[in-house]
């Protein structure tokens, strides 16, 4: 605890956090505008954002993603605030920021400054230090004409609905200045740890140093700055598989063949320096050549587990399995990129021998594919050039400009691409009957079953599984939903 001004009562961690956020934003705004601007900060609630969500249509979301742990925080900015700051930057920094596009990129970087660092201060060692992270900028879409025609409810817009989706399991800190209002959203667990750590004086000093006093606005925004691509693998753990929309283009989240249904849980994205560990003795592998915008890209699909005999019992013939996977994946790709840009996908029926030289700068996508009988360990090797062509086809000019001007690595291109796909296709998470249910429109947000399960403790999940899921749904359905605690 810190002492209040009259030194008679302690100040709680929320107040300390609010002060750090306010002081950081004030410092950033001085640099951006050339004048001191008062900033008011308070902890808010989900209902506050839900009431005013339409204010953020055509605004921006600056998301901070860790390499192991996914989304930690996000800065939600309304369009009027951004327009004011862009105009001010052009006026005060015209010599180094000559055009509106660059001014917008700098606005989003400079306003955040080092605020994103708050979610990545590691307090597990003797001295708090910064973990590596990446920032991704997403323009918030949402057409008011796409809301519910009978109620006028705007939260059915994909972009706005996805913002509320993230906010529903976040701690919200609102900030206001010059009549504008935005939000800083912390993952609930990150926020809880942050408040606990802020009770210790050593952590408070480290947080102020890392967030408030080390802001170098002219330096490239690359998270902690600790990463060196040439020294190690770049590794990103996918915490919420259902939010990894990009993966559905290559291994669909669900697909079926011969009466069998497969459910995919994405685990990792890796830009490997050493390919050998990913390529040792696949049980089954196939090559696919995909044509996009007139260019051909080879993809290699491998299955590492289970053994071949068991695998064939589970999937049937390999050709039927892969063709079902590819048919669904290609349909997803055409829906996103457009049928006119997608040519044919040529499938090679013979077993593929994978070598490091087969693909240029491969990206590894690892997933578990569940069936009622067993789980397949699958890996897809994608050429990095394919991600580049997808960025060109899918991202907006601003999103491409942000990547180009801020010196990002290939992983951030992947994360940016996925965030855009998730926000644009948010409603696809929900079945049509659920998406259109009036009682859910009133509540504003829904949580898929597989996400809800993640919040149960092991003991509670066993009780729920044994007393409800197994009797009502059966063991096959429980296993397919990846509810594993009951079988441990």
Protein backbone atom coordinates (compact mmCIF):
# COMPACT_ATOMS: atom_id res chain seq x y z
CA UNK A 1 0.00 0.00 0.00
CA UNK A 2 0.93 3.61 -0.50
CA UNK A 3 -0.16 6.37 1.86
CA UNK A 4 -2.71 9.01 0.86
CA UNK A 5 -1.87 12.71 0.83
CA UNK A 6 -2.83 13.18 4.49
CA UNK A 7 -0.84 10.05 5.43
CA UNK A 8 -3.74 8.67 7.47
CA UNK A 9 -5.09 5.86 5.29
CA UNK A 10 -3.65 3.38 2.79
CA UNK A 11 -4.25 3.69 -0.93
CA UNK A 12 -5.33 0.43 -2.59
CA UNK A 13 -3.76 -1.18 -5.65
CA UNK A 14 -6.52 -0.02 -8.01
CA UNK A 15 -5.78 3.59 -7.13
CA UNK A 16 -2.06 3.00 -7.67
CA UNK A 17 -2.76 1.44 -11.06
CA UNK A 18 -5.08 4.31 -12.01
CA UNK A 19 -2.34 6.81 -11.13
CA UNK A 20 0.27 4.98 -13.21
CA UNK A 21 -2.10 4.86 -16.21
CA UNK A 22 -3.02 8.55 -15.83
CA UNK A 23 0.60 9.71 -15.46
CA UNK A 24 1.72 7.60 -18.43
CA UNK A 25 -1.03 8.95 -20.67
CA UNK A 26 -0.27 12.52 -19.59
CA UNK A 27 3.41 12.03 -20.44
CA UNK A 28 2.55 10.53 -23.83
CA UNK A 29 0.09 13.34 -24.60
CA UNK A 30 2.68 16.02 -23.78
CA UNK A 31 4.96 14.54 -26.41
CA UNK A 32 2.12 14.16 -28.93
CA UNK A 33 0.47 17.56 -28.50
CA UNK A 34 3.17 19.80 -27.04
CA UNK A 35 1.03 20.75 -24.05
CA UNK A 36 -0.02 19.38 -20.67
CA UNK A 37 -3.43 17.69 -20.77
CA UNK A 38 -5.25 16.48 -17.66
CA UNK A 39 -6.27 12.80 -17.75
CA UNK A 40 -8.89 11.26 -15.45
CA UNK A 41 -8.75 7.49 -14.89
CA UNK A 42 -11.08 5.12 -13.04
CA UNK A 43 -11.98 1.43 -12.99
CA UNK A 44 -15.21 0.83 -14.89
CA UNK A 45 -17.53 -2.07 -15.57
CA UNK A 46 -18.64 -4.15 -18.55
CA UNK A 47 -22.09 -2.53 -18.44
CA UNK A 48 -20.51 0.90 -18.94
CA UNK A 49 -18.86 -0.18 -22.18
CA UNK A 50 -21.91 -2.10 -23.35
CA UNK A 51 -24.05 1.04 -23.04
CA UNK A 52 -21.71 3.14 -25.12
CA UNK A 53 -20.26 0.56 -27.51
CA UNK A 54 -21.58 2.31 -30.64
CA UNK A 55 -19.22 5.21 -29.85
CA UNK A 56 -16.31 2.99 -30.84
CA UNK A 57 -17.54 2.05 -34.31
CA UNK A 58 -14.74 3.01 -36.73
CA UNK A 59 -12.38 3.33 -33.76
CA UNK A 60 -9.23 1.31 -33.03
CA UNK A 61 -8.10 -1.53 -30.79
CA UNK A 62 -4.40 -1.67 -29.85
CA UNK A 63 -3.89 -5.22 -28.54
CA UNK A 64 -0.86 -6.52 -26.64
CA UNK A 65 -0.12 -10.21 -27.22
CA UNK A 66 2.44 -12.32 -25.39
CA UNK A 67 4.41 -15.09 -27.08
CA UNK A 68 3.18 -17.49 -24.40
CA UNK A 69 -0.23 -16.59 -23.10
CA UNK A 70 -2.04 -14.70 -25.80
CA UNK A 71 -3.89 -11.42 -25.30
CA UNK A 72 -2.99 -9.56 -22.09
CA UNK A 73 -4.39 -6.07 -22.63
CA UNK A 74 -6.01 -3.84 -25.23
CA UNK A 75 -6.40 -0.09 -25.65
CA UNK A 76 -9.84 0.81 -27.03
CA UNK A 77 -9.92 4.20 -28.76
CA UNK A 78 -12.95 6.02 -30.25
CA UNK A 79 -12.65 7.61 -33.71
CA UNK A 80 -13.11 11.20 -32.51
CA UNK A 81 -10.19 10.89 -30.08
CA UNK A 82 -7.95 9.45 -32.79
CA UNK A 83 -8.97 12.14 -35.32
CA UNK A 84 -8.12 14.88 -32.81
CA UNK A 85 -4.71 13.39 -32.05
CA UNK A 86 -3.84 12.75 -35.72
CA UNK A 87 -4.61 16.38 -36.57
CA UNK A 88 -2.51 17.52 -33.62
CA UNK A 89 0.44 15.30 -34.57
CA UNK A 90 0.45 16.64 -38.13
CA UNK A 91 0.58 20.13 -36.71
CA UNK A 92 3.21 19.56 -34.00
CA UNK A 93 5.36 16.84 -35.69
CA UNK A 94 4.95 17.75 -39.35
CA UNK A 95 8.69 17.70 -40.00
CA UNK A 96 9.02 13.98 -39.15
CA UNK A 97 5.41 12.86 -39.70
CA UNK A 98 4.50 14.38 -43.07
CA UNK A 99 1.33 12.48 -44.02
CA UNK A 100 -1.93 11.41 -42.44
CA UNK A 101 -1.26 7.67 -42.78
CA UNK A 102 1.98 7.84 -40.84
CA UNK A 103 0.37 10.24 -38.35
CA UNK A 104 -2.31 7.64 -37.64
CA UNK A 105 0.30 4.90 -37.09
CA UNK A 106 2.31 7.16 -34.78
CA UNK A 107 -0.84 8.24 -32.93
CA UNK A 108 -1.71 4.66 -32.03
CA UNK A 109 1.86 3.84 -31.02
CA UNK A 110 2.54 7.00 -29.06
CA UNK A 111 -0.70 7.10 -27.12
CA UNK A 112 -0.12 3.56 -25.91
CA UNK A 113 3.54 4.33 -25.29
CA UNK A 114 4.54 1.74 -22.72
CA UNK A 115 1.10 1.14 -21.22
CA UNK A 116 1.08 -2.35 -22.78
CA UNK A 117 4.08 -3.23 -20.64
CA UNK A 118 1.85 -3.33 -17.55
CA UNK A 119 0.60 -6.76 -18.59
CA UNK A 120 4.09 -8.20 -19.14
CA UNK A 121 6.10 -7.38 -16.01
CA UNK A 122 7.36 -10.69 -14.64
CA UNK A 123 7.37 -10.71 -10.85
CA UNK A 124 8.42 -14.33 -10.35
CA UNK A 125 12.13 -13.56 -9.92
CA UNK A 126 13.89 -11.40 -7.35
CA UNK A 127 13.95 -8.38 -9.67
CA UNK A 128 10.82 -7.66 -11.75
CA UNK A 129 11.62 -7.65 -15.45
CA UNK A 130 9.80 -7.30 -18.75
CA UNK A 131 8.59 -10.25 -20.81
CA UNK A 132 8.46 -10.05 -24.57
CA UNK A 133 5.23 -9.08 -26.30
CA UNK A 134 3.86 -7.71 -29.57
CA UNK A 135 1.33 -5.02 -30.34
CA UNK A 136 -1.32 -5.40 -33.01
CA UNK A 137 -3.60 -2.60 -34.24
CA UNK A 138 -7.12 -3.44 -35.46
CA UNK A 139 -9.57 -0.90 -36.93
CA UNK A 140 -12.99 -1.64 -35.46
CA UNK A 141 -15.53 -2.36 -38.16
CA UNK A 142 -19.27 -2.33 -37.69
CA UNK A 143 -21.97 -1.09 -40.01
CA UNK A 144 -25.04 0.28 -38.19
CA UNK A 145 -27.23 -1.14 -40.96
CA UNK A 146 -26.22 -4.68 -40.00
CA UNK A 147 -27.73 -4.52 -36.51
CA UNK A 148 -30.99 -6.25 -35.66
CA UNK A 149 -33.72 -4.64 -37.78
CA UNK A 150 -36.44 -5.06 -35.15
CA UNK A 151 -34.58 -3.82 -32.08
CA UNK A 152 -31.84 -1.70 -33.65
CA UNK A 153 -29.39 -3.58 -31.45
CA UNK A 154 -25.88 -2.74 -32.72
CA UNK A 155 -24.03 -5.44 -30.81
CA UNK A 156 -24.69 -7.94 -33.57
CA UNK A 157 -22.07 -6.14 -35.69
CA UNK A 158 -19.05 -8.42 -35.94
CA UNK A 159 -16.53 -5.74 -34.96
CA UNK A 160 -18.47 -4.35 -32.03
CA UNK A 161 -19.55 -7.80 -30.86
CA UNK A 162 -15.94 -9.00 -30.80
CA UNK A 163 -14.95 -5.98 -28.67
CA UNK A 164 -17.65 -6.89 -26.15
CA UNK A 165 -16.50 -10.51 -26.33
CA UNK A 166 -13.01 -9.47 -25.19
CA UNK A 167 -14.39 -7.03 -22.63
CA UNK A 168 -16.60 -9.67 -21.01
CA UNK A 169 -13.60 -11.37 -19.39
CA UNK A 170 -11.52 -8.22 -18.91
CA UNK A 171 -11.04 -5.68 -16.14
CA UNK A 172 -11.86 -2.26 -17.63
CA UNK A 173 -10.04 0.97 -16.84
CA UNK A 174 -11.63 4.03 -18.43
CA UNK A 175 -9.75 7.26 -19.15
CA UNK A 176 -10.90 10.69 -20.31
CA UNK A 177 -9.18 13.84 -21.59
CA UNK A 178 -10.32 16.87 -23.56
CA UNK A 179 -13.87 15.47 -23.65
CA UNK A 180 -12.77 12.13 -25.20
CA UNK A 181 -13.11 8.76 -23.46
CA UNK A 182 -11.40 5.41 -24.06
CA UNK A 183 -10.75 2.13 -22.26
CA UNK A 184 -7.75 0.06 -21.24
CA UNK A 185 -8.84 -3.59 -21.00
CA UNK A 186 -6.77 -6.06 -18.95
CA UNK A 187 -7.23 -9.81 -19.03
CA UNK A 188 -8.89 -10.65 -15.70
CA UNK A 189 -6.06 -12.89 -14.47
CA UNK A 190 -3.40 -10.40 -15.58
CA UNK A 191 -5.27 -7.62 -13.76
CA UNK A 192 -5.56 -9.71 -10.58
CA UNK A 193 -1.83 -10.48 -10.57
CA UNK A 194 -1.01 -6.86 -11.32
CA UNK A 195 -3.06 -5.58 -8.37
CA UNK A 196 -1.45 -8.14 -6.07
CA UNK A 197 2.06 -7.23 -7.24
CA UNK A 198 1.43 -3.50 -6.89
CA UNK A 199 1.12 -3.99 -3.15
CA UNK A 200 4.90 -4.47 -3.05
CA UNK A 201 7.11 -1.41 -3.17
CA UNK A 202 9.80 -3.05 -5.33
CA UNK A 203 7.23 -3.93 -8.00
CA UNK A 204 5.69 -0.43 -7.90
CA UNK A 205 9.11 1.11 -8.54
CA UNK A 206 9.78 -1.34 -11.40
CA UNK A 207 6.36 -0.71 -12.95
CA UNK A 208 6.79 3.07 -12.90
CA UNK A 209 10.29 2.75 -14.34
CA UNK A 210 9.29 0.37 -17.16
CA UNK A 211 6.01 2.05 -18.05
CA UNK A 212 6.37 5.73 -17.21
CA UNK A 213 10.02 6.79 -17.35
CA UNK A 214 11.39 4.66 -20.22
CA UNK A 215 9.11 5.88 -23.00
CA UNK A 216 11.15 6.57 -26.14
CA UNK A 217 8.52 7.73 -28.65
CA UNK A 218 10.83 7.79 -31.68
CA UNK A 219 12.03 4.21 -31.20
CA UNK A 220 10.39 1.37 -33.15
CA UNK A 221 7.58 -0.22 -31.16
CA UNK A 222 8.68 -3.85 -30.78
CA UNK A 223 7.44 -4.91 -27.38
CA UNK A 224 10.26 -5.42 -24.90
CA UNK A 225 12.92 -5.28 -27.60
CA UNK A 226 14.47 -8.51 -26.33
CA UNK A 227 13.79 -10.71 -29.32
CA UNK A 228 16.42 -11.65 -31.89
CA UNK A 229 14.97 -13.77 -34.66
CA UNK A 230 18.34 -15.18 -35.62
CA UNK A 231 19.07 -16.56 -32.14
CA UNK A 232 16.01 -18.67 -31.36
CA UNK A 233 12.67 -19.96 -32.55
CA UNK A 234 9.85 -17.45 -32.46
CA UNK A 235 7.12 -19.29 -30.62
CA UNK A 236 3.51 -18.30 -29.93
CA UNK A 237 1.19 -20.41 -27.78
CA UNK A 238 -2.48 -20.38 -28.77
CA UNK A 239 -4.45 -20.17 -25.53
CA UNK A 240 -7.92 -19.88 -27.07
CA UNK A 241 -8.17 -22.13 -30.07
CA UNK A 242 -11.63 -20.92 -31.08
CA UNK A 243 -10.23 -17.39 -31.46
CA UNK A 244 -7.45 -18.53 -33.80
CA UNK A 245 -9.48 -17.86 -36.93
CA UNK A 246 -6.47 -18.00 -39.25
CA UNK A 247 -6.01 -21.69 -38.47
CA UNK A 248 -9.39 -22.54 -40.00
CA UNK A 249 -7.99 -21.73 -43.43
CA UNK A 250 -5.54 -24.62 -43.17
CA UNK A 251 -7.00 -27.10 -40.63
CA UNK A 252 -10.73 -26.40 -40.24
CA UNK A 253 -12.06 -26.28 -36.69
CA UNK A 254 -14.52 -29.05 -37.57
CA UNK A 255 -14.71 -31.35 -40.61
CA UNK A 256 -15.91 -34.83 -41.34
CA UNK A 257 -15.65 -37.78 -43.69
CA UNK A 258 -17.12 -41.29 -43.80
CA UNK A 259 -19.38 -40.63 -40.83
CA UNK A 260 -16.46 -39.45 -38.72
CA UNK A 261 -16.27 -35.95 -37.21
CA UNK A 262 -13.01 -34.20 -36.35
CA UNK A 263 -12.59 -31.24 -33.99
CA UNK A 264 -9.40 -29.14 -34.11
CA UNK A 265 -7.63 -27.45 -31.19
CA UNK A 266 -4.80 -25.20 -32.38
CA UNK A 267 -1.75 -25.16 -30.09
CA UNK A 268 1.28 -23.30 -31.48
CA UNK A 269 2.58 -21.04 -34.21
CA UNK A 270 6.34 -21.32 -34.61
CA UNK A 271 8.87 -19.60 -36.84
CA UNK A 272 11.57 -22.22 -36.38
CA UNK A 273 15.29 -21.75 -36.62
CA UNK A 274 15.84 -25.50 -36.26
CA UNK A 275 13.33 -27.41 -38.41
CA UNK A 276 14.56 -30.87 -37.44
CA UNK A 277 12.43 -31.30 -34.30
CA UNK A 278 9.28 -30.63 -36.33
CA UNK A 279 10.14 -32.98 -39.17
CA UNK A 280 11.23 -36.23 -37.57
CA UNK A 281 9.48 -39.33 -38.90
CA UNK A 282 5.90 -38.23 -39.57
CA UNK A 283 3.45 -41.13 -39.57
CA UNK A 284 1.57 -39.63 -42.51
CA UNK A 285 2.28 -36.61 -44.71
CA UNK A 286 0.88 -35.00 -47.82
CA UNK A 287 1.70 -31.98 -49.98
CA UNK A 288 -0.83 -29.47 -51.28
CA UNK A 289 -0.12 -26.72 -53.81
CA UNK A 290 -2.43 -23.75 -53.31
CA UNK A 291 -2.94 -21.01 -55.90
CA UNK A 292 -3.78 -17.50 -54.64
CA UNK A 293 -3.78 -14.38 -56.80
CA UNK A 294 -1.95 -16.26 -59.56
CA UNK A 295 0.89 -17.51 -57.32
CA UNK A 296 1.47 -21.11 -56.21
CA UNK A 297 2.35 -22.00 -52.62
CA UNK A 298 3.29 -25.50 -51.39
CA UNK A 299 1.93 -26.62 -48.01
CA UNK A 300 3.00 -29.78 -46.20
CA UNK A 301 0.60 -31.57 -43.83
CA UNK A 302 1.98 -34.16 -41.39
CA UNK A 303 0.54 -36.38 -38.66
CA UNK A 304 2.97 -37.43 -35.92
CA UNK A 305 0.60 -39.44 -33.67
CA UNK A 306 -0.88 -42.02 -33.31
CA UNK A 307 0.89 -44.91 -35.02
CA UNK A 308 -0.14 -45.66 -38.61
CA UNK A 309 -2.34 -48.70 -37.92
CA UNK A 310 -4.37 -46.89 -35.26
CA UNK A 311 -4.43 -43.74 -37.36
CA UNK A 312 -5.96 -45.50 -40.37
CA UNK A 313 -8.63 -47.06 -38.16
CA UNK A 314 -9.58 -43.56 -36.96
CA UNK A 315 -9.46 -41.54 -40.20
CA UNK A 316 -10.27 -44.16 -42.83
CA UNK A 317 -8.38 -43.73 -46.09
CA UNK A 318 -5.79 -40.89 -45.96
CA UNK A 319 -7.03 -39.40 -49.24
CA UNK A 320 -10.61 -39.08 -47.95
CA UNK A 321 -9.39 -37.53 -44.69
CA UNK A 322 -7.14 -34.95 -46.33
CA UNK A 323 -9.63 -34.11 -49.07
CA UNK A 324 -12.37 -33.47 -46.48
CA UNK A 325 -9.98 -31.25 -44.54
CA UNK A 326 -8.89 -29.36 -47.66
CA UNK A 327 -12.41 -28.94 -49.05
CA UNK A 328 -13.57 -27.26 -45.85
CA UNK A 329 -10.37 -25.22 -45.52
CA UNK A 330 -10.55 -24.05 -49.13
CA UNK A 331 -14.18 -22.98 -48.64
CA UNK A 332 -13.13 -20.95 -45.58
CA UNK A 333 -10.32 -19.37 -47.57
CA UNK A 334 -12.61 -18.48 -50.47
CA UNK A 335 -15.09 -16.89 -48.06
CA UNK A 336 -12.35 -14.68 -46.64
CA UNK A 337 -10.21 -13.85 -49.67
CA UNK A 338 -12.82 -14.14 -52.41
CA UNK A 339 -13.38 -16.90 -54.94
CA UNK A 340 -11.85 -14.88 -57.76
CA UNK A 341 -8.44 -14.86 -56.05
CA UNK A 342 -8.38 -18.55 -55.18
CA UNK A 343 -7.29 -20.93 -57.89
CA UNK A 344 -7.12 -24.67 -57.55
CA UNK A 345 -5.61 -26.66 -54.71
CA UNK A 346 -3.57 -29.55 -56.11
CA UNK A 347 -3.33 -32.50 -53.71
CA UNK A 348 -0.51 -35.05 -53.97
CA UNK A 349 -1.75 -38.51 -52.97
CA UNK A 350 1.69 -40.05 -52.35
CA UNK A 351 3.45 -39.91 -48.97
CA UNK A 352 5.57 -36.75 -48.70
CA UNK A 353 9.15 -36.80 -47.44
CA UNK A 354 9.68 -33.47 -45.68
CA UNK A 355 13.03 -31.70 -45.93
CA UNK A 356 13.96 -28.23 -44.69
CA UNK A 357 14.56 -27.07 -48.26
CA UNK A 358 11.07 -28.07 -49.43
CA UNK A 359 9.63 -24.75 -48.24
CA UNK A 360 11.12 -21.30 -48.18
CA UNK A 361 11.09 -19.88 -44.63
CA UNK A 362 8.39 -22.24 -43.35
CA UNK A 363 5.95 -21.32 -40.60
CA UNK A 364 4.79 -24.18 -38.39
CA UNK A 365 1.15 -24.46 -37.30
CA UNK A 366 0.65 -27.26 -34.74
CA UNK A 367 -2.75 -28.60 -33.69
CA UNK A 368 -4.48 -31.51 -32.00
CA UNK A 369 -7.34 -33.01 -34.01
CA UNK A 370 -9.79 -34.83 -31.74
CA UNK A 371 -12.01 -37.78 -32.54
CA UNK A 372 -14.06 -39.83 -30.08
CA UNK A 373 -11.46 -42.60 -30.32
CA UNK A 374 -8.12 -40.76 -30.17
CA UNK A 375 -6.26 -37.51 -30.80
CA UNK A 376 -4.10 -36.75 -33.84
CA UNK A 377 -1.00 -34.57 -33.57
CA UNK A 378 -0.96 -32.54 -36.80
CA UNK A 379 1.50 -30.01 -38.14
CA UNK A 380 1.16 -27.80 -41.22
CA UNK A 381 4.21 -26.18 -42.82
CA UNK A 382 3.31 -22.90 -44.55
CA UNK A 383 5.69 -20.80 -46.65
CA UNK A 384 6.11 -17.33 -45.17
CA UNK A 385 5.32 -15.82 -48.58
CA UNK A 386 1.78 -17.23 -48.25
CA UNK A 387 1.20 -15.14 -45.11
CA UNK A 388 2.46 -12.08 -46.98
CA UNK A 389 0.03 -12.61 -49.86
CA UNK A 390 -2.85 -13.16 -47.41
CA UNK A 391 -1.97 -9.92 -45.63
CA UNK A 392 -2.11 -8.08 -48.95
CA UNK A 393 -5.47 -9.67 -49.80
CA UNK A 394 -7.16 -9.31 -46.40
CA UNK A 395 -5.70 -6.42 -44.41
CA UNK A 396 -6.82 -2.84 -44.91
CA UNK A 397 -4.35 -0.21 -46.17
CA UNK A 398 -3.97 1.09 -42.61
CA UNK A 399 -3.19 -2.36 -41.21
CA UNK A 400 -0.59 -2.95 -43.92
CA UNK A 401 0.87 0.50 -43.33
CA UNK A 402 1.13 -0.19 -39.61
CA UNK A 403 3.07 -3.38 -40.26
CA UNK A 404 5.36 -1.71 -42.80
CA UNK A 405 6.11 1.42 -40.75
CA UNK A 406 6.73 -0.27 -37.42
CA UNK A 407 9.36 -2.83 -38.46
CA UNK A 408 7.52 -5.99 -37.32
CA UNK A 409 8.58 -9.60 -37.73
CA UNK A 410 6.58 -12.34 -39.45
CA UNK A 411 4.89 -13.45 -36.22
CA UNK A 412 3.25 -10.05 -35.82
CA UNK A 413 1.97 -10.30 -39.40
CA UNK A 414 0.37 -13.62 -38.44
CA UNK A 415 -1.10 -12.19 -35.23
CA UNK A 416 -2.39 -9.11 -37.06
CA UNK A 417 -3.97 -11.27 -39.74
CA UNK A 418 -5.63 -13.47 -37.15
CA UNK A 419 -6.96 -10.53 -35.11
CA UNK A 420 -8.50 -8.98 -38.22
CA UNK A 421 -10.09 -12.28 -39.24
CA UNK A 422 -11.46 -12.82 -35.73
CA UNK A 423 -13.02 -9.37 -35.51
CA UNK A 424 -14.51 -9.54 -39.01
CA UNK A 425 -15.86 -13.05 -38.55
CA UNK A 426 -16.81 -12.91 -34.88
CA UNK A 427 -20.44 -13.93 -35.43
CA UNK A 428 -19.25 -17.17 -37.05
CA UNK A 429 -18.30 -18.37 -33.56
CA UNK A 430 -21.99 -18.77 -32.79
CA UNK A 431 -24.44 -21.11 -34.55
CA UNK A 432 -27.21 -19.28 -36.37
CA UNK A 433 -29.92 -20.40 -33.93
CA UNK A 434 -27.87 -19.12 -31.00
CA UNK A 435 -26.77 -15.93 -32.74
CA UNK A 436 -30.36 -14.92 -33.46
CA UNK A 437 -31.95 -15.87 -30.12
CA UNK A 438 -33.75 -12.85 -28.66
CA UNK A 439 -32.74 -13.60 -25.06
CA UNK A 440 -29.07 -13.62 -26.07
CA UNK A 441 -29.42 -10.38 -28.04
CA UNK A 442 -30.65 -8.81 -24.82
CA UNK A 443 -27.70 -10.07 -22.81
CA UNK A 444 -25.28 -8.85 -25.48
CA UNK A 445 -22.69 -11.63 -25.25
CA UNK A 446 -22.50 -15.42 -25.29
CA UNK A 447 -19.74 -17.83 -24.34
CA UNK A 448 -19.15 -21.05 -26.32
CA UNK A 449 -19.21 -24.26 -24.27
CA UNK A 450 -15.54 -25.06 -24.85
CA UNK A 451 -14.58 -21.59 -23.52
CA UNK A 452 -16.86 -21.96 -20.49
CA UNK A 453 -15.22 -25.28 -19.61
CA UNK A 454 -11.84 -23.56 -19.34
CA UNK A 455 -13.07 -21.59 -16.31
CA UNK A 456 -13.95 -24.67 -14.21
CA UNK A 457 -11.51 -26.15 -11.76
CA UNK A 458 -10.54 -29.79 -12.17
CA UNK A 459 -12.71 -31.01 -9.27
CA UNK A 460 -15.78 -29.05 -10.41
CA UNK A 461 -15.36 -30.22 -13.98
CA UNK A 462 -15.33 -33.85 -12.84
CA UNK A 463 -18.61 -33.37 -10.99
CA UNK A 464 -20.25 -31.60 -13.96
CA UNK A 465 -18.98 -34.24 -16.39
CA UNK A 466 -19.96 -37.26 -14.33
CA UNK A 467 -23.38 -35.98 -13.24
CA UNK A 468 -24.53 -34.12 -16.33
CA UNK A 469 -22.36 -34.30 -19.46
CA UNK A 470 -21.79 -38.05 -19.55
CA UNK A 471 -25.42 -39.07 -18.75
CA UNK A 472 -26.91 -36.49 -21.13
CA UNK A 473 -24.39 -36.36 -23.99
CA UNK A 474 -22.44 -39.61 -23.81
CA UNK A 475 -18.73 -40.32 -23.59
CA UNK A 476 -18.01 -39.81 -27.30
CA UNK A 477 -19.41 -36.28 -27.25
CA UNK A 478 -17.51 -35.42 -24.06
CA UNK A 479 -14.23 -36.60 -25.54
CA UNK A 480 -14.89 -34.80 -28.81
CA UNK A 481 -15.45 -31.57 -26.85
CA UNK A 482 -11.98 -32.11 -25.31
CA UNK A 483 -13.37 -32.31 -21.76
CA UNK A 484 -10.52 -34.35 -20.34
CA UNK A 485 -10.58 -33.71 -16.58
CA UNK A 486 -13.13 -36.45 -15.96
CA UNK A 487 -10.79 -39.07 -17.41
CA UNK A 488 -7.60 -38.06 -15.60
